[in-house]
């Protein structure tokens, strides 16, 4: 059986790793300063895939803790931290997919104007 203090430190470390992954992704997504500074669809697709993988990782953590739930102090707080983070990540996905769709429209429009 793991010492409760050790388990708490381990869970805190895992939450920090997730937060660091989100921060790296946030830092890598820039807002273009001009219409000619738009990201390409390949890079945008990779960023969206990474963002959705974060949500999957968060839900996996909650699932793991819920299935293996052994009554212990702090479990509810740990699960709440992951589910709260999932809300934020889900909202980020929502906003990103709107921008992603608009970027796709712009690329289709540019391709159509090149053909004419």
Protein backbone atom coordinates (compact mmCIF):
# COMPACT_ATOMS: atom_id res chain seq x y z
CA UNK A 1 0.00 0.00 0.00
CA UNK A 2 1.32 3.41 -0.91
CA UNK A 3 1.77 6.06 1.73
CA UNK A 4 -0.98 8.73 1.35
CA UNK A 5 1.59 11.53 1.27
CA UNK A 6 3.54 9.77 -1.50
CA UNK A 7 0.32 9.17 -3.46
CA UNK A 8 -0.61 12.85 -3.11
CA UNK A 9 2.82 13.93 -4.39
CA UNK A 10 2.54 11.51 -7.31
CA UNK A 11 -0.92 12.77 -8.27
CA UNK A 12 0.24 16.37 -7.97
CA UNK A 13 3.18 15.59 -10.24
CA UNK A 14 0.85 14.03 -12.82
CA UNK A 15 -1.42 17.10 -12.74
CA UNK A 16 1.60 19.36 -13.20
CA UNK A 17 2.70 17.32 -16.23
CA UNK A 18 -0.73 17.72 -17.81
CA UNK A 19 -0.65 21.46 -17.09
CA UNK A 20 2.80 21.72 -18.66
CA UNK A 21 1.58 19.93 -21.80
CA UNK A 22 -1.33 22.36 -22.05
CA UNK A 23 0.96 25.34 -21.54
CA UNK A 24 3.36 24.13 -24.27
CA UNK A 25 0.45 23.76 -26.66
CA UNK A 26 -0.93 27.19 -25.73
CA UNK A 27 2.47 28.75 -26.35
CA UNK A 28 2.74 27.04 -29.74
CA UNK A 29 -0.59 28.41 -30.99
CA UNK A 30 -0.08 31.98 -32.11
CA UNK A 31 -2.56 34.53 -33.34
CA UNK A 32 -1.61 35.70 -36.83
CA UNK A 33 -0.80 39.38 -37.11
CA UNK A 34 -1.98 39.61 -40.71
CA UNK A 35 -4.06 37.62 -43.21
CA UNK A 36 -0.88 36.48 -44.95
CA UNK A 37 0.44 35.06 -41.68
CA UNK A 38 -2.13 32.23 -41.48
CA UNK A 39 -1.00 28.76 -40.37
CA UNK A 40 -1.19 25.92 -42.82
CA UNK A 41 -3.75 23.14 -42.51
CA UNK A 42 -1.12 20.52 -41.70
CA UNK A 43 0.21 22.39 -38.69
CA UNK A 44 -3.29 23.32 -37.57
CA UNK A 45 -4.42 19.70 -37.87
CA UNK A 46 -1.49 18.55 -35.73
CA UNK A 47 -2.29 21.15 -33.08
CA UNK A 48 -5.95 20.14 -33.02
CA UNK A 49 -5.00 16.46 -32.73
CA UNK A 50 -2.67 17.25 -29.84
CA UNK A 51 -5.37 19.27 -28.11
CA UNK A 52 -7.91 16.47 -28.44
CA UNK A 53 -5.33 14.00 -27.12
CA UNK A 54 -5.08 16.12 -23.97
CA UNK A 55 -8.82 15.78 -23.39
CA UNK A 56 -8.56 12.04 -23.96
CA UNK A 57 -5.72 11.85 -21.44
CA UNK A 58 -7.77 13.77 -18.88
CA UNK A 59 -10.78 11.50 -19.31
CA UNK A 60 -8.52 8.44 -19.11
CA UNK A 61 -7.17 9.67 -15.77
CA UNK A 62 -10.70 10.12 -14.42
CA UNK A 63 -11.74 6.71 -15.74
CA UNK A 64 -8.70 5.03 -14.21
CA UNK A 65 -9.29 6.64 -10.83
CA UNK A 66 -13.03 5.94 -10.91
CA UNK A 67 -12.66 2.26 -11.79
CA UNK A 68 -9.80 1.67 -9.36
CA UNK A 69 -11.41 3.86 -6.73
CA UNK A 70 -10.33 2.78 -3.33
CA UNK A 71 -11.90 5.00 -0.69
CA UNK A 72 -9.19 7.48 0.27
CA UNK A 73 -8.88 11.07 1.29
CA UNK A 74 -8.41 13.49 -1.55
CA UNK A 75 -9.71 11.26 -4.37
CA UNK A 76 -12.64 13.58 -5.00
CA UNK A 77 -10.29 16.56 -5.27
CA UNK A 78 -8.05 14.75 -7.73
CA UNK A 79 -10.99 13.74 -9.92
CA UNK A 80 -12.36 17.28 -9.73
CA UNK A 81 -9.01 18.70 -10.85
CA UNK A 82 -9.01 16.45 -13.93
CA UNK A 83 -12.65 17.12 -14.80
CA UNK A 84 -12.20 20.88 -14.35
CA UNK A 85 -9.18 20.75 -16.64
CA UNK A 86 -11.25 18.80 -19.17
CA UNK A 87 -13.81 21.62 -19.23
CA UNK A 88 -11.11 24.16 -20.04
CA UNK A 89 -9.54 21.91 -22.67
CA UNK A 90 -12.95 21.21 -24.21
CA UNK A 91 -13.65 24.92 -24.50
CA UNK A 92 -10.25 25.40 -26.12
CA UNK A 93 -11.12 22.69 -28.64
CA UNK A 94 -14.42 24.40 -29.37
CA UNK A 95 -12.73 27.73 -30.05
CA UNK A 96 -9.93 26.12 -32.03
CA UNK A 97 -12.31 24.17 -34.28
CA UNK A 98 -14.14 27.39 -35.20
CA UNK A 99 -10.83 28.96 -36.22
CA UNK A 100 -9.84 25.70 -37.94
CA UNK A 101 -13.03 25.73 -40.01
CA UNK A 102 -12.45 29.34 -40.99
CA UNK A 103 -8.88 28.52 -41.94
CA UNK A 104 -10.15 25.67 -44.13
CA UNK A 105 -12.57 28.06 -45.82
CA UNK A 106 -9.78 30.53 -46.45
CA UNK A 107 -7.57 27.84 -47.99
CA UNK A 108 -10.44 26.66 -50.24
CA UNK A 109 -11.12 30.26 -51.29
CA UNK A 110 -7.46 30.88 -52.10
CA UNK A 111 -7.27 27.64 -54.10
CA UNK A 112 -10.39 28.60 -56.07
CA UNK A 113 -9.03 32.05 -56.90
CA UNK A 114 -5.77 30.55 -58.17
CA UNK A 115 -7.68 28.30 -60.60
CA UNK A 116 -9.67 31.16 -62.13
